[in-house]
Protein backbone atom coordinates (compact mmCIF):
# COMPACT_ATOMS: atom_id res chain seq x y z
CA MET A 1 20.27 -0.48 -9.86
CA THR A 2 18.90 1.81 -12.57
CA ALA A 3 20.96 4.28 -14.60
CA LEU A 4 18.95 7.19 -15.97
CA GLY A 5 20.66 10.08 -17.71
CA GLY A 6 24.04 9.57 -16.01
CA VAL A 7 22.40 9.26 -12.60
CA VAL A 8 22.39 5.86 -10.94
CA ILE A 9 19.42 5.06 -8.72
CA ARG A 10 20.22 2.26 -6.31
CA PRO A 11 19.10 0.91 -2.94
CA PHE A 12 20.00 3.06 0.06
CA VAL A 13 22.38 1.12 2.33
CA VAL A 14 23.55 1.82 5.88
CA GLY A 15 26.88 3.12 4.59
CA ASP A 16 25.00 5.93 2.79
CA ILE A 17 23.60 7.37 6.03
CA PRO A 18 26.37 9.92 6.71
CA ARG A 19 26.12 11.48 3.22
CA VAL A 20 22.32 11.29 3.20
CA HIS A 21 22.27 13.02 6.58
CA GLU A 22 24.45 15.82 5.15
CA ILE A 23 21.88 16.37 2.40
CA GLU A 24 18.99 16.08 4.87
CA THR A 25 20.57 18.73 7.09
CA ALA A 26 21.18 21.05 4.13
CA VAL A 27 17.61 20.69 2.85
CA TYR A 28 15.35 20.46 5.89
CA GLU A 29 14.98 22.81 8.82
CA THR A 30 14.16 19.88 11.12
CA PRO A 31 16.18 17.00 9.66
CA TRP A 32 15.79 13.35 10.50
CA SER A 33 18.53 11.98 12.72
CA THR A 34 20.91 9.29 11.54
CA ARG A 35 19.05 6.96 13.92
CA VAL A 36 15.76 7.57 12.08
CA PHE A 37 17.40 6.63 8.78
CA ASP A 38 18.87 3.51 10.34
CA ASP A 39 15.45 2.53 11.73
CA GLU A 40 13.69 3.26 8.43
CA LEU A 41 16.12 1.11 6.43
CA SER A 42 15.19 -1.95 8.48
CA ALA A 43 11.46 -1.25 8.86
CA PRO A 44 9.06 -3.57 7.03
CA GLY A 45 7.24 -2.24 3.99
CA ARG A 46 9.82 0.47 3.29
CA SER A 47 11.97 1.01 0.23
CA TYR A 48 14.71 3.64 0.28
CA LEU A 49 16.81 4.66 -2.71
CA VAL A 50 19.73 6.99 -3.37
CA ALA A 51 20.71 8.85 -6.52
CA GLU A 52 24.40 8.89 -7.40
CA SER A 53 26.15 11.11 -9.90
CA ALA A 54 29.86 10.66 -10.58
CA GLY A 55 30.04 8.26 -7.62
CA GLN A 56 28.61 10.79 -5.13
CA VAL A 57 25.20 10.46 -3.45
CA VAL A 58 23.26 13.54 -4.56
CA GLY A 59 19.73 12.63 -3.51
CA PHE A 60 17.55 10.10 -1.77
CA GLY A 61 13.95 9.12 -1.26
CA GLY A 62 11.74 6.58 0.42
CA VAL A 63 8.35 4.99 0.12
CA MET A 64 6.31 3.07 2.68
CA ILE A 65 3.75 0.56 1.44
CA ILE A 66 0.81 -0.49 3.60
CA SER A 67 -1.66 -2.78 1.90
CA ASP A 68 -2.58 -1.10 -1.41
CA GLU A 69 -1.49 2.41 -0.38
CA ALA A 70 1.97 3.90 -0.65
CA HIS A 71 3.31 6.96 1.13
CA ILE A 72 6.37 8.86 -0.04
CA THR A 73 8.19 9.38 3.25
CA THR A 74 10.96 11.64 1.99
CA VAL A 75 12.62 12.98 -1.14
CA ALA A 76 15.60 15.30 -1.11
CA VAL A 77 18.25 16.43 -3.57
CA ASP A 78 21.52 18.11 -2.67
CA PRO A 79 21.00 21.85 -3.31
CA GLU A 80 24.20 21.84 -5.41
CA ALA A 81 22.74 19.16 -7.70
CA ARG A 82 19.24 20.58 -8.26
CA GLY A 83 17.84 21.34 -11.68
CA GLY A 84 19.16 18.21 -13.37
CA GLY A 85 16.08 16.02 -13.00
CA ILE A 86 17.39 14.00 -10.04
CA GLY A 87 14.16 14.51 -8.08
CA LYS A 88 12.14 13.31 -11.07
CA ARG A 89 14.35 10.24 -11.45
CA LEU A 90 14.00 9.41 -7.75
CA MET A 91 10.22 9.88 -7.84
CA LEU A 92 9.94 7.69 -10.92
CA ARG A 93 11.75 4.83 -9.18
CA LEU A 94 9.83 5.33 -5.92
CA VAL A 95 6.52 5.15 -7.79
CA GLU A 96 7.72 2.01 -9.57
CA GLU A 97 8.64 0.53 -6.17
CA ALA A 98 5.13 1.35 -4.94
CA VAL A 99 3.48 -0.28 -7.95
CA ASP A 100 5.77 -3.32 -7.71
CA GLY A 101 4.84 -3.54 -4.01
CA GLY A 102 1.13 -3.78 -4.85
CA ALA A 103 0.05 -0.18 -4.24
CA ALA A 104 -2.92 1.26 -6.09
CA SER A 105 -2.71 4.74 -4.53
CA LEU A 106 0.12 7.06 -3.56
CA THR A 107 0.24 9.97 -1.12
CA LEU A 108 2.69 12.45 0.37
CA GLU A 109 2.90 15.74 2.24
CA VAL A 110 4.72 18.77 0.88
CA ARG A 111 5.32 22.26 2.26
CA VAL A 112 2.65 24.62 1.00
CA SER A 113 5.43 27.01 -0.10
CA ASN A 114 7.45 24.41 -2.06
CA GLU A 115 6.29 25.26 -5.56
CA ALA A 116 8.99 23.24 -7.36
CA ALA A 117 8.09 20.06 -5.47
CA LYS A 118 4.35 20.60 -6.00
CA ARG A 119 4.96 20.95 -9.75
CA LEU A 120 7.03 17.75 -9.76
CA TYR A 121 4.38 15.80 -7.88
CA ALA A 122 1.65 17.12 -10.17
CA ARG A 123 3.58 15.67 -13.12
CA PHE A 124 3.09 12.31 -11.41
CA GLY A 125 -0.66 12.94 -11.34
CA MET A 126 -0.76 13.90 -7.69
CA ALA A 127 -3.47 16.36 -6.71
CA PRO A 128 -4.02 18.30 -3.48
CA VAL A 129 -6.74 16.94 -1.22
CA GLY A 130 -6.21 18.78 2.08
CA LEU A 131 -3.88 20.41 4.57
CA ARG A 132 -2.06 19.22 7.66
CA LYS A 133 -1.87 22.29 9.88
CA ARG A 134 1.65 23.09 11.16
CA TYR A 135 2.93 19.74 9.93
CA TYR A 136 6.38 21.28 9.52
CA ARG A 137 6.11 23.22 12.80
CA ASP A 138 6.43 26.54 10.98
CA GLU A 139 4.26 25.72 7.97
CA ASP A 140 1.29 23.70 6.79
CA ALA A 141 1.67 20.66 4.56
CA LEU A 142 -0.37 20.09 1.46
CA ILE A 143 -1.60 16.50 1.28
CA MET A 144 -1.43 15.13 -2.26
CA TRP A 145 -2.79 11.85 -3.65
CA VAL A 146 -2.92 9.93 -6.89
CA HIS A 147 -5.05 6.83 -7.39
CA ASP A 148 -5.00 3.93 -9.85
CA ILE A 149 -1.21 3.88 -10.10
CA ASP A 150 -1.48 0.18 -10.85
CA GLY A 151 -3.49 0.79 -14.04
CA ASP A 152 -2.45 0.90 -17.69
CA GLU A 153 -3.11 4.64 -18.03
CA TYR A 154 -0.76 5.47 -15.18
CA ARG A 155 1.86 3.03 -16.47
CA GLU A 156 1.71 4.95 -19.76
CA ARG A 157 2.32 8.22 -17.87
CA LEU A 158 5.42 6.69 -16.25
CA ASN A 159 6.69 5.41 -19.60
CA GLU A 160 6.36 8.90 -21.08
CA MET A 161 8.23 10.42 -18.15
CA ARG A 162 10.97 7.80 -18.45
CA SER A 163 11.37 8.55 -22.17
CA GLU A 164 11.96 12.23 -21.34
CA LEU A 165 15.01 11.39 -19.23
C-alpha cells in the first residue's frame, strides 16, 4: 500500500469490483463487465491497483507483464475526482509494478481524442507509434510506447514525478 498526497494506492481486490464497475461505467462507453474484472484479477502476469481517497475507491488501473514488455490494460478515475493527480499516482505505481516485474518497455492504447490522457502518458515518456483503427468501435486508438523503463534515466524521471506529488 502506498500513500501519495492523501491518496492511498493499494492492490485491487474482488470486493472492489462493484465500485470499480461504477467508475468503469461512468467513464467508458463500452465498459468491462464485472466478470472481466474478476477474470483479470486472477490472470497470471497482471497487477491491478485502486486509488482510495477518504476511504472511497476513486480510480483504478492495471498492467499486464509478458516477458520484458508491459501493457497498461486500463486506467480510470471517477469523473468527480479528476484533476487531483489520481491518474498520475496510479500510472506511477503501475509503471513501478512493470519495472518490478522485469519489464523494459511499456505500451498502451488511448483514444485519439483523449488529450488529457495523452498528456499524462507523455509525461511518462510515452510516444505515439501508430494507430489501431476503430479500436474503440467509434474511434481509433493511438498506440504509445516507452522503452528502457528499467534504466537509471527512466528511474530518475519517476523519482522526479514522485517528488511532485
